[in-house]
PDB file of N, CA and C in Angstrom:
ATOM      1  N   MET A   1      16.317  11.393 -12.344  1.00  0.00           N
ATOM      2  CA  MET A   1      15.349  11.106 -11.418  1.00  0.00           C
ATOM      3  C   MET A   1      15.841  11.050  -9.961  1.00  0.00           C
ATOM      4  N   SER A   2      15.216  11.573  -9.149  1.00  0.00           N
ATOM      5  CA  SER A   2      15.713  11.518  -7.845  1.00  0.00           C
ATOM      6  C   SER A   2      14.988  10.290  -6.821  1.00  0.00           C
ATOM      7  N   ALA A   3      15.428  10.167  -5.667  1.00  0.00           N
ATOM      8  CA  ALA A   3      15.089   9.188  -5.074  1.00  0.00           C
ATOM      9  C   ALA A   3      13.437   9.064  -4.644  1.00  0.00           C
ATOM     10  N   PRO A   4      12.947   8.082  -4.411  1.00  0.00           N
ATOM     11  CA  PRO A   4      11.386   8.019  -4.282  1.00  0.00           C
ATOM     12  C   PRO A   4      10.867   8.972  -3.135  1.00  0.00           C
ATOM     13  N   ASP A   5       9.737   9.538  -3.305  1.00  0.00           N
ATOM     14  CA  ASP A   5       9.075  10.436  -2.390  1.00  0.00           C
ATOM     15  C   ASP A   5       8.381   9.346  -1.386  1.00  0.00           C
ATOM     16  N   LEU A   6       9.102   9.624   0.099  1.00  0.00           N
ATOM     17  CA  LEU A   6       8.379   8.756   1.099  1.00  0.00           C
ATOM     18  C   LEU A   6       7.572  10.001   2.121  1.00  0.00           C
ATOM     19  N   ARG A   7       6.850  10.261   1.612  1.00  0.00           N
ATOM     20  CA  ARG A   7       5.970  11.097   2.757  1.00  0.00           C
ATOM     21  C   ARG A   7       4.280  10.874   2.628  1.00  0.00           C
ATOM     22  N   GLY A   8       3.781  11.401   3.652  1.00  0.00           N
ATOM     23  CA  GLY A   8       2.234  11.143   3.950  1.00  0.00           C
ATOM     24  C   GLY A   8       1.567  12.487   4.670  1.00  0.00           C
ATOM     25  N   GLY A   9       0.562  12.133   5.451  1.00  0.00           N
ATOM     26  CA  GLY A   9       0.261  13.270   6.174  1.00  0.00           C
ATOM     27  C   GLY A   9       1.176  13.816   7.092  1.00  0.00           C
ATOM     28  N   ARG A  10       2.175  12.784   7.755  1.00  0.00           N
ATOM     29  CA  ARG A  10       3.242  13.294   8.528  1.00  0.00           C
ATOM     30  C   ARG A  10       4.809  12.944   7.948  1.00  0.00           C
ATOM     31  N   PRO A  11       5.674  13.414   8.101  1.00  0.00           N
ATOM     32  CA  PRO A  11       6.901  12.786   7.541  1.00  0.00           C
ATOM     33  C   PRO A  11       6.800  11.199   7.832  1.00  0.00           C
ATOM     34  N   GLU A  12       7.005  10.160   6.849  1.00  0.00           N
ATOM     35  CA  GLU A  12       7.068   8.785   7.266  1.00  0.00           C
ATOM     36  C   GLU A  12       8.277   8.321   6.333  1.00  0.00           C
ATOM     37  N   THR A  13       8.534   7.058   6.902  1.00  0.00           N
ATOM     38  CA  THR A  13       9.688   6.520   6.196  1.00  0.00           C
ATOM     39  C   THR A  13       9.179   5.124   6.539  1.00  0.00           C
ATOM     40  N   MET A  14       9.558   4.046   5.783  1.00  0.00           N
ATOM     41  CA  MET A  14       9.313   2.679   5.822  1.00  0.00           C
ATOM     42  C   MET A  14       9.779   2.151   7.128  1.00  0.00           C
ATOM     43  N   MET A  15      10.830   2.830   7.890  1.00  0.00           N
ATOM     44  CA  MET A  15      11.165   2.515   9.348  1.00  0.00           C
ATOM     45  C   MET A  15      10.274   2.696  10.272  1.00  0.00           C
ATOM     46  N   ASN A  16       9.076   3.276   9.796  1.00  0.00           N
ATOM     47  CA  ASN A  16       7.903   3.321  11.012  1.00  0.00           C
ATOM     48  C   ASN A  16       6.730   2.804  10.380  1.00  0.00           C
ATOM     49  N   PHE A  17       6.456   2.504   9.170  1.00  0.00           N
ATOM     50  CA  PHE A  17       5.448   1.979   8.623  1.00  0.00           C
ATOM     51  C   PHE A  17       4.873   0.720   9.390  1.00  0.00           C
ATOM     52  N   SER A  18       3.803   0.509   9.931  1.00  0.00           N
ATOM     53  CA  SER A  18       3.389  -0.751  10.499  1.00  0.00           C
ATOM     54  C   SER A  18       1.782  -1.146  10.001  1.00  0.00           C
ATOM     55  N   PRO A  19       1.903  -1.768   9.259  1.00  0.00           N
ATOM     56  CA  PRO A  19       0.283  -1.928   8.643  1.00  0.00           C
ATOM     57  C   PRO A  19      -0.626  -2.514   9.407  1.00  0.00           C
ATOM     58  N   PHE A  20      -1.748  -1.755   9.576  1.00  0.00           N
ATOM     59  CA  PHE A  20      -2.877  -2.328  10.466  1.00  0.00           C
ATOM     60  C   PHE A  20      -2.802  -1.873  11.521  1.00  0.00           C
ATOM     61  N   ARG A  21      -2.115  -0.806  11.792  1.00  0.00           N
ATOM     62  CA  ARG A  21      -1.786  -0.402  13.247  1.00  0.00           C
ATOM     63  C   ARG A  21      -2.602   1.120  13.534  1.00  0.00           C
ATOM     64  N   ASN A  22      -3.122   1.735  12.450  1.00  0.00           N
ATOM     65  CA  ASN A  22      -3.478   3.026  12.895  1.00  0.00           C
ATOM     66  C   ASN A  22      -4.095   3.477  11.718  1.00  0.00           C
ATOM     67  N   GLU A  23      -4.816   4.756  11.924  1.00  0.00           N
ATOM     68  CA  GLU A  23      -5.598   5.131  10.931  1.00  0.00           C
ATOM     69  C   GLU A  23      -4.878   6.460  10.139  1.00  0.00           C
ATOM     70  N   THR A  24      -3.595   6.592  10.488  1.00  0.00           N
ATOM     71  CA  THR A  24      -2.975   7.988  10.005  1.00  0.00           C
ATOM     72  C   THR A  24      -2.011   7.642   9.069  1.00  0.00           C
ATOM     73  N   ASP A  25      -1.075   6.810   9.170  1.00  0.00           N
ATOM     74  CA  ASP A  25      -0.173   6.488   8.036  1.00  0.00           C
ATOM     75  C   ASP A  25      -0.207   6.429   6.744  1.00  0.00           C
ATOM     76  N   ALA A  26       0.426   7.024   6.038  1.00  0.00           N
ATOM     77  CA  ALA A  26       0.499   7.038   4.489  1.00  0.00           C
ATOM     78  C   ALA A  26       2.054   7.133   3.746  1.00  0.00           C
ATOM     79  N   ILE A  27       2.029   6.520   3.051  1.00  0.00           N
ATOM     80  CA  ILE A  27       3.662   6.628   2.167  1.00  0.00           C
ATOM     81  C   ILE A  27       3.111   6.675   0.631  1.00  0.00           C
ATOM     82  N   THR A  28       3.786   8.041   0.354  1.00  0.00           N
ATOM     83  CA  THR A  28       3.804   8.182  -1.213  1.00  0.00           C
ATOM     84  C   THR A  28       5.168   7.820  -1.832  1.00  0.00           C
ATOM     85  N   LEU A  29       4.994   6.985  -2.808  1.00  0.00           N
ATOM     86  CA  LEU A  29       5.985   6.799  -3.705  1.00  0.00           C
ATOM     87  C   LEU A  29       5.832   6.832  -4.758  1.00  0.00           C
ATOM     88  N   GLY A  30       6.378   7.888  -5.659  1.00  0.00           N
ATOM     89  CA  GLY A  30       5.980   8.521  -6.867  1.00  0.00           C
ATOM     90  C   GLY A  30       4.457   9.014  -6.907  1.00  0.00           C
ATOM     91  N   GLY A  31       3.639   8.328  -7.582  1.00  0.00           N
ATOM     92  CA  GLY A  31       2.438   8.827  -7.857  1.00  0.00           C
ATOM     93  C   GLY A  31       1.531   7.588  -6.917  1.00  0.00           C
ATOM     94  N   LEU A  32       2.007   6.973  -6.431  1.00  0.00           N
ATOM     95  CA  LEU A  32       1.605   5.695  -5.586  1.00  0.00           C
ATOM     96  C   LEU A  32       1.224   5.934  -4.204  1.00  0.00           C
ATOM     97  N   THR A  33       0.099   5.687  -3.451  1.00  0.00           N
ATOM     98  CA  THR A  33      -0.180   6.165  -2.020  1.00  0.00           C
ATOM     99  C   THR A  33      -0.439   4.775  -1.340  1.00  0.00           C
ATOM    100  N   ILE A  34       0.171   4.638  -0.410  1.00  0.00           N
ATOM    101  CA  ILE A  34      -0.099   3.172   0.320  1.00  0.00           C
ATOM    102  C   ILE A  34      -0.556   3.992   1.956  1.00  0.00           C
ATOM    103  N   GLU A  35      -1.747   3.694   2.020  1.00  0.00           N
ATOM    104  CA  GLU A  35      -2.759   4.254   3.119  1.00  0.00           C
ATOM    105  C   GLU A  35      -3.068   3.324   4.088  1.00  0.00           C
ATOM    106  N   ASN A  36      -2.444   3.482   5.383  1.00  0.00           N
ATOM    107  CA  ASN A  36      -2.850   2.514   6.535  1.00  0.00           C
ATOM    108  C   ASN A  36      -4.177   2.840   6.961  1.00  0.00           C
ATOM    109  N   ARG A  37      -4.860   1.699   7.242  1.00  0.00           N
ATOM    110  CA  ARG A  37      -6.202   1.711   8.229  1.00  0.00           C
ATOM    111  C   ARG A  37      -6.062   0.427   9.165  1.00  0.00           C
ATOM    112  N   GLU A  38      -6.862   0.392  10.294  1.00  0.00           N
ATOM    113  CA  GLU A  38      -6.821  -0.865  11.076  1.00  0.00           C
ATOM    114  C   GLU A  38      -7.259  -2.020  10.613  1.00  0.00           C
ATOM    115  N   ASP A  39      -8.020  -1.666   9.586  1.00  0.00           N
ATOM    116  CA  ASP A  39      -8.866  -3.162   8.892  1.00  0.00           C
ATOM    117  C   ASP A  39      -8.402  -3.134   7.669  1.00  0.00           C
ATOM    118  N   ARG A  40      -7.384  -2.690   6.945  1.00  0.00           N
ATOM    119  CA  ARG A  40      -7.145  -2.472   5.274  1.00  0.00           C
ATOM    120  C   ARG A  40      -5.877  -1.855   5.140  1.00  0.00           C
ATOM    121  N   VAL A  41      -5.221  -2.158   4.108  1.00  0.00           N
ATOM    122  CA  VAL A  41      -4.109  -1.256   3.785  1.00  0.00           C
ATOM    123  C   VAL A  41      -4.669  -0.976   2.208  1.00  0.00           C
ATOM    124  N   SER A  42      -4.717   0.517   1.712  1.00  0.00           N
ATOM    125  CA  SER A  42      -5.228   1.038   0.631  1.00  0.00           C
ATOM    126  C   SER A  42      -4.190   1.229  -0.536  1.00  0.00           C
ATOM    127  N   VAL A  43      -3.996   0.515  -1.287  1.00  0.00           N
ATOM    128  CA  VAL A  43      -3.036   1.122  -2.272  1.00  0.00           C
ATOM    129  C   VAL A  43      -3.399   1.651  -3.541  1.00  0.00           C
ATOM    130  N   TYR A  44      -3.326   2.876  -3.901  1.00  0.00           N
ATOM    131  CA  TYR A  44      -4.009   3.561  -5.131  1.00  0.00           C
ATOM    132  C   TYR A  44      -3.043   4.480  -5.861  1.00  0.00           C
ATOM    133  N   GLY A  45      -3.110   4.779  -7.012  1.00  0.00           N
ATOM    134  CA  GLY A  45      -2.142   5.968  -7.626  1.00  0.00           C
ATOM    135  C   GLY A  45      -1.293   4.945  -8.595  1.00  0.00           C
ATOM    136  N   THR A  46      -0.268   5.442  -9.245  1.00  0.00           N
ATOM    137  CA  THR A  46       0.417   5.099 -10.335  1.00  0.00           C
ATOM    138  C   THR A  46       2.183   5.174  -9.919  1.00  0.00           C
ATOM    139  N   LEU A  47       2.897   4.102 -10.392  1.00  0.00           N
ATOM    140  CA  LEU A  47       4.029   4.128 -10.033  1.00  0.00           C
ATOM    141  C   LEU A  47       5.002   3.628 -11.293  1.00  0.00           C
ATOM    142  N   ALA A  48       5.833   4.448 -11.943  1.00  0.00           N
ATOM    143  CA  ALA A  48       6.653   3.964 -12.945  1.00  0.00           C
ATOM    144  C   ALA A  48       8.000   3.498 -12.541  1.00  0.00           C
ATOM    145  N   ILE A  49       8.063   2.285 -12.804  1.00  0.00           N
ATOM    146  CA  ILE A  49       9.392   1.438 -12.216  1.00  0.00           C
ATOM    147  C   ILE A  49      10.219   1.613 -13.399  1.00  0.00           C
ATOM    148  N   THR A  50      10.903   2.667 -13.298  1.00  0.00           N
ATOM    149  CA  THR A  50      12.182   2.587 -14.702  1.00  0.00           C
ATOM    150  C   THR A  50      13.105   1.590 -14.445  1.00  0.00           C
ATOM    151  N   ARG A  51      13.845   1.520 -15.797  1.00  0.00           N
ATOM    152  CA  ARG A  51      14.959   0.293 -15.519  1.00  0.00           C
ATOM    153  C   ARG A  51      16.068   1.327 -15.164  1.00  0.00           C
ATOM    154  N   ASP A  52      16.401   1.605 -14.102  1.00  0.00           N
ATOM    155  CA  ASP A  52      17.702   2.781 -13.926  1.00  0.00           C
ATOM    156  C   ASP A  52      17.588   2.429 -12.147  1.00  0.00           C
ATOM    157  N   ARG A  53      18.576   3.402 -11.609  1.00  0.00           N
ATOM    158  CA  ARG A  53      19.083   3.136 -10.264  1.00  0.00           C
ATOM    159  C   ARG A  53      17.636   3.679  -9.519  1.00  0.00           C
ATOM    160  N   ALA A  54      16.892   4.508  -9.999  1.00  0.00           N
ATOM    161  CA  ALA A  54      15.763   5.112  -9.198  1.00  0.00           C
ATOM    162  C   ALA A  54      14.930   4.242  -9.445  1.00  0.00           C
ATOM    163  N   GLY A  55      14.588   3.529 -10.681  1.00  0.00           N
ATOM    164  CA  GLY A  55      13.494   2.649 -10.470  1.00  0.00           C
ATOM    165  C   GLY A  55      13.894   1.308  -9.586  1.00  0.00           C
ATOM    166  N   LEU A  56      14.992   1.095  -9.701  1.00  0.00           N
ATOM    167  CA  LEU A  56      15.391  -0.092  -8.476  1.00  0.00           C
ATOM    168  C   LEU A  56      14.918   0.458  -7.129  1.00  0.00           C
ATOM    169  N   GLN A  57      15.235   1.577  -6.509  1.00  0.00           N
ATOM    170  CA  GLN A  57      15.105   2.049  -5.767  1.00  0.00           C
ATOM    171  C   GLN A  57      13.459   2.078  -5.162  1.00  0.00           C
ATOM    172  N   ALA A  58      12.625   2.480  -6.116  1.00  0.00           N
ATOM    173  CA  ALA A  58      11.339   2.495  -6.158  1.00  0.00           C
ATOM    174  C   ALA A  58      10.874   0.870  -5.767  1.00  0.00           C
ATOM    175  N   ALA A  59      11.357   0.316  -6.817  1.00  0.00           N
ATOM    176  CA  ALA A  59      10.806  -1.430  -6.653  1.00  0.00           C
ATOM    177  C   ALA A  59      11.159  -1.890  -5.375  1.00  0.00           C
ATOM    178  N   LYS A  60      12.227  -1.604  -4.437  1.00  0.00           N
ATOM    179  CA  LYS A  60      12.693  -1.912  -3.391  1.00  0.00           C
ATOM    180  C   LYS A  60      11.737  -1.290  -2.370  1.00  0.00           C
ATOM    181  N   VAL A  61      11.272  -0.247  -2.481  1.00  0.00           N
ATOM    182  CA  VAL A  61      10.438   0.296  -1.571  1.00  0.00           C
ATOM    183  C   VAL A  61       9.227  -0.288  -1.488  1.00  0.00           C
ATOM    184  N   LEU A  62       8.636  -0.154  -2.681  1.00  0.00           N
ATOM    185  CA  LEU A  62       7.496  -1.085  -2.781  1.00  0.00           C
ATOM    186  C   LEU A  62       7.375  -2.269  -2.167  1.00  0.00           C
ATOM    187  N   LYS A  63       8.498  -2.923  -2.697  1.00  0.00           N
ATOM    188  CA  LYS A  63       8.411  -4.530  -2.049  1.00  0.00           C
ATOM    189  C   LYS A  63       8.623  -4.738  -0.618  1.00  0.00           C
ATOM    190  N   GLU A  64       9.070  -3.667   0.081  1.00  0.00           N
ATOM    191  CA  GLU A  64       9.551  -3.844   1.111  1.00  0.00           C
ATOM    192  C   GLU A  64       7.974  -3.528   1.919  1.00  0.00           C
ATOM    193  N   ALA A  65       7.191  -2.660   1.345  1.00  0.00           N
ATOM    194  CA  ALA A  65       5.958  -2.188   1.789  1.00  0.00           C
ATOM    195  C   ALA A  65       4.989  -3.460   1.777  1.00  0.00           C
ATOM    196  N   VAL A  66       4.895  -3.814   0.729  1.00  0.00           N
ATOM    197  CA  VAL A  66       4.281  -5.056   0.488  1.00  0.00           C
ATOM    198  C   VAL A  66       4.640  -6.464   1.649  1.00  0.00           C
ATOM    199  N   ASP A  67       5.870  -6.700   1.645  1.00  0.00           N
ATOM    200  CA  ASP A  67       6.492  -7.573   2.633  1.00  0.00           C
ATOM    201  C   ASP A  67       5.917  -7.381   3.839  1.00  0.00           C
ATOM    202  N   ARG A  68       6.115  -6.160   4.417  1.00  0.00           N
ATOM    203  CA  ARG A  68       5.364  -5.647   5.701  1.00  0.00           C
ATOM    204  C   ARG A  68       3.995  -6.309   5.849  1.00  0.00           C
ATOM    205  N   ILE A  69       3.309  -5.812   4.847  1.00  0.00           N
ATOM    206  CA  ILE A  69       1.641  -6.119   4.846  1.00  0.00           C
ATOM    207  C   ILE A  69       1.467  -7.659   4.965  1.00  0.00           C
ATOM    208  N   VAL A  70       2.171  -8.539   4.056  1.00  0.00           N
ATOM    209  CA  VAL A  70       2.243  -9.882   4.002  1.00  0.00           C
ATOM    210  C   VAL A  70       2.569 -10.462   5.458  1.00  0.00           C
ATOM    211  N   LYS A  71       3.774  -9.821   6.067  1.00  0.00           N
ATOM    212  CA  LYS A  71       4.266 -10.400   7.431  1.00  0.00           C
ATOM    213  C   LYS A  71       3.023 -10.289   8.260  1.00  0.00           C
ATOM    214  N   GLU A  72       2.431  -9.015   8.308  1.00  0.00           N
ATOM    215  CA  GLU A  72       1.534  -8.573   9.441  1.00  0.00           C
ATOM    216  C   GLU A  72       0.218  -9.338   9.257  1.00  0.00           C
ATOM    217  N   LEU A  73      -0.140 -10.113   8.002  1.00  0.00           N
ATOM    218  CA  LEU A  73      -1.229 -10.697   7.683  1.00  0.00           C
ATOM    219  C   LEU A  73      -1.338 -12.232   8.137  1.00  0.00           C
ATOM    220  N   GLU A  74       0.268 -12.690   7.922  1.00  0.00           N
ATOM    221  CA  GLU A  74       0.735 -14.065   8.285  1.00  0.00           C
ATOM    222  C   GLU A  74       0.631 -14.160   9.786  1.00  0.00           C
ATOM    223  N   THR A  75       1.442 -13.369  10.410  1.00  0.00           N
ATOM    224  CA  THR A  75       1.742 -13.241  11.915  1.00  0.00           C
ATOM    225  C   THR A  75       0.531 -12.757  12.734  1.00  0.00           C
ATOM    226  N   GLY A  76      -0.266 -11.938  12.277  1.00  0.00           N
ATOM    227  CA  GLY A  76      -1.243 -11.193  13.168  1.00  0.00           C
ATOM    228  C   GLY A  76      -2.274 -11.803  13.961  1.00  0.00           C
ATOM    229  N   GLY A  77      -2.656 -13.280  13.832  1.00  0.00           N
ATOM    230  CA  GLY A  77      -3.623 -13.908  14.569  1.00  0.00           C
ATOM    231  C   GLY A  77      -4.534 -14.595  13.198  1.00  0.00           C
ATOM    232  N   ASP A  78      -5.620 -15.102  14.030  1.00  0.00           N
ATOM    233  CA  ASP A  78      -6.754 -15.563  12.793  1.00  0.00           C
ATOM    234  C   ASP A  78      -7.499 -14.684  12.339  1.00  0.00           C
ATOM    235  N   LEU A  79      -7.338 -15.030  10.946  1.00  0.00           N
ATOM    236  CA  LEU A  79      -7.981 -13.875   9.835  1.00  0.00           C
ATOM    237  C   LEU A  79      -9.289 -14.123   9.425  1.00  0.00           C
ATOM    238  N   PRO A  80     -10.225 -13.362   9.506  1.00  0.00           N
ATOM    239  CA  PRO A  80     -11.720 -13.681   8.969  1.00  0.00           C
ATOM    240  C   PRO A  80     -11.500 -13.952   7.309  1.00  0.00           C
ATOM    241  N   THR A  81     -12.458 -14.613   6.985  1.00  0.00           N
ATOM    242  CA  THR A  81     -12.466 -14.596   5.691  1.00  0.00           C
ATOM    243  C   THR A  81     -12.693 -13.443   4.812  1.00  0.00           C
ATOM    244  N   VAL A  82     -13.546 -12.483   5.387  1.00  0.00           N
ATOM    245  CA  VAL A  82     -13.660 -11.184   4.822  1.00  0.00           C
ATOM    246  C   VAL A  82     -13.587 -10.298   5.805  1.00  0.00           C
ATOM    247  N   VAL A  83     -13.291  -9.046   5.754  1.00  0.00           N
ATOM    248  CA  VAL A  83     -13.408  -7.804   6.659  1.00  0.00           C
ATOM    249  C   VAL A  83     -15.152  -7.654   6.803  1.00  0.00           C
ATOM    250  N   ALA A  84     -15.625  -7.372   8.040  1.00  0.00           N
ATOM    251  CA  ALA A  84     -17.173  -7.260   7.849  1.00  0.00           C
ATOM    252  C   ALA A  84     -17.439  -6.312   7.116  1.00  0.00           C
ATOM    253  N   SER A  85     -16.808  -4.840   7.069  1.00  0.00           N
ATOM    254  CA  SER A  85     -17.337  -3.872   6.485  1.00  0.00           C
ATOM    255  C   SER A  85     -17.144  -3.770   5.081  1.00  0.00           C
ATOM    256  N   ALA A  86     -16.317  -4.816   4.583  1.00  0.00           N
ATOM    257  CA  ALA A  86     -15.977  -4.631   3.101  1.00  0.00           C
ATOM    258  C   ALA A  86     -17.294  -5.128   2.340  1.00  0.00           C
ATOM    259  N   GLU A  87     -17.875  -4.329   1.576  1.00  0.00           N
ATOM    260  CA  GLU A  87     -18.993  -4.627   0.653  1.00  0.00           C
ATOM    261  C   GLU A  87     -18.189  -5.451  -0.779  1.00  0.00           C
ATOM    262  N   PRO A  88     -19.165  -6.631  -1.267  1.00  0.00           N
ATOM    263  CA  PRO A  88     -18.551  -7.178  -2.276  1.00  0.00           C
ATOM    264  C   PRO A  88     -18.860  -6.317  -3.694  1.00  0.00           C
ATOM    265  N   PRO A  89     -17.760  -6.326  -4.575  1.00  0.00           N
ATOM    266  CA  PRO A  89     -17.780  -5.592  -5.650  1.00  0.00           C
ATOM    267  C   PRO A  89     -19.466  -5.540  -6.543  1.00  0.00           C
ATOM    268  N   ALA A  90     -19.930  -4.736  -6.788  1.00  0.00           N
ATOM    269  CA  ALA A  90     -21.223  -4.726  -7.223  1.00  0.00           C
ATOM    270  C   ALA A  90     -21.147  -4.778  -8.788  1.00  0.00           C
ATOM    271  N   LYS A  91     -21.833  -5.803  -9.335  1.00  0.00           N
ATOM    272  CA  LYS A  91     -21.890  -6.069 -10.881  1.00  0.00           C
ATOM    273  C   LYS A  91     -22.609  -5.221 -11.869  1.00  0.00           C
ATOM    274  N   VAL A  92     -21.909  -4.923 -13.160  1.00  0.00           N
ATOM    275  CA  VAL A  92     -22.787  -3.999 -13.425  1.00  0.00           C
ATOM    276  C   VAL A  92     -22.696  -4.252 -15.249  1.00  0.00           C
ATOM    277  N   LYS A  93     -23.541  -4.299 -15.729  1.00  0.00           N
ATOM    278  CA  LYS A  93     -23.858  -4.655 -17.434  1.00  0.00           C
ATOM    279  C   LYS A  93     -22.560  -3.713 -18.184  1.00  0.00           C
ATOM    280  N   ASN A  94     -22.053  -4.710 -18.960  1.00  0.00           N
ATOM    281  CA  ASN A  94     -20.957  -4.094 -20.012  1.00  0.00           C
ATOM    282  C   ASN A  94     -21.197  -3.184 -20.707  1.00  0.00           C
ATOM    283  N   PRO A  95     -21.080  -1.867 -20.789  1.00  0.00           N
ATOM    284  CA  PRO A  95     -21.615  -0.637 -21.494  1.00  0.00           C
ATOM    285  C   PRO A  95     -21.151  -1.039 -22.958  1.00  0.00           C
ATOM    286  N   PHE A  96     -19.964  -2.005 -23.342  1.00  0.00           N
ATOM    287  CA  PHE A  96     -19.473  -2.097 -24.345  1.00  0.00           C
ATOM    288  C   PHE A  96     -20.012  -3.204 -25.152  1.00  0.00           C
ATOM    289  N   ALA A  97     -20.761  -4.076 -24.402  1.00  0.00           N
ATOM    290  CA  ALA A  97     -20.954  -5.530 -24.996  1.00  0.00           C
ATOM    291  C   ALA A  97     -22.322  -5.149 -25.961  1.00  0.00           C
TER     292      ALA A  97
END
């Protein structure tokens, strides 16, 4: 297995990923995408972290991304309770109940 794939709309590495700084940066790690916005960071997809060197590398890259997000949230000033544009999740009836 090769090293994690770190690419996005343009060549991107963890060295220049700055959460909440722009609307363009995205990092792809396996099948997981970390997408930057000014008001949120979206994480979607899947990532298999295997018990080998490649899995360790993938876990470290993922941890570094999350650490950067947390650091920016902790040091970025006064946070609102909720981002104004975020809508609360809609409740739906359980179709299996």
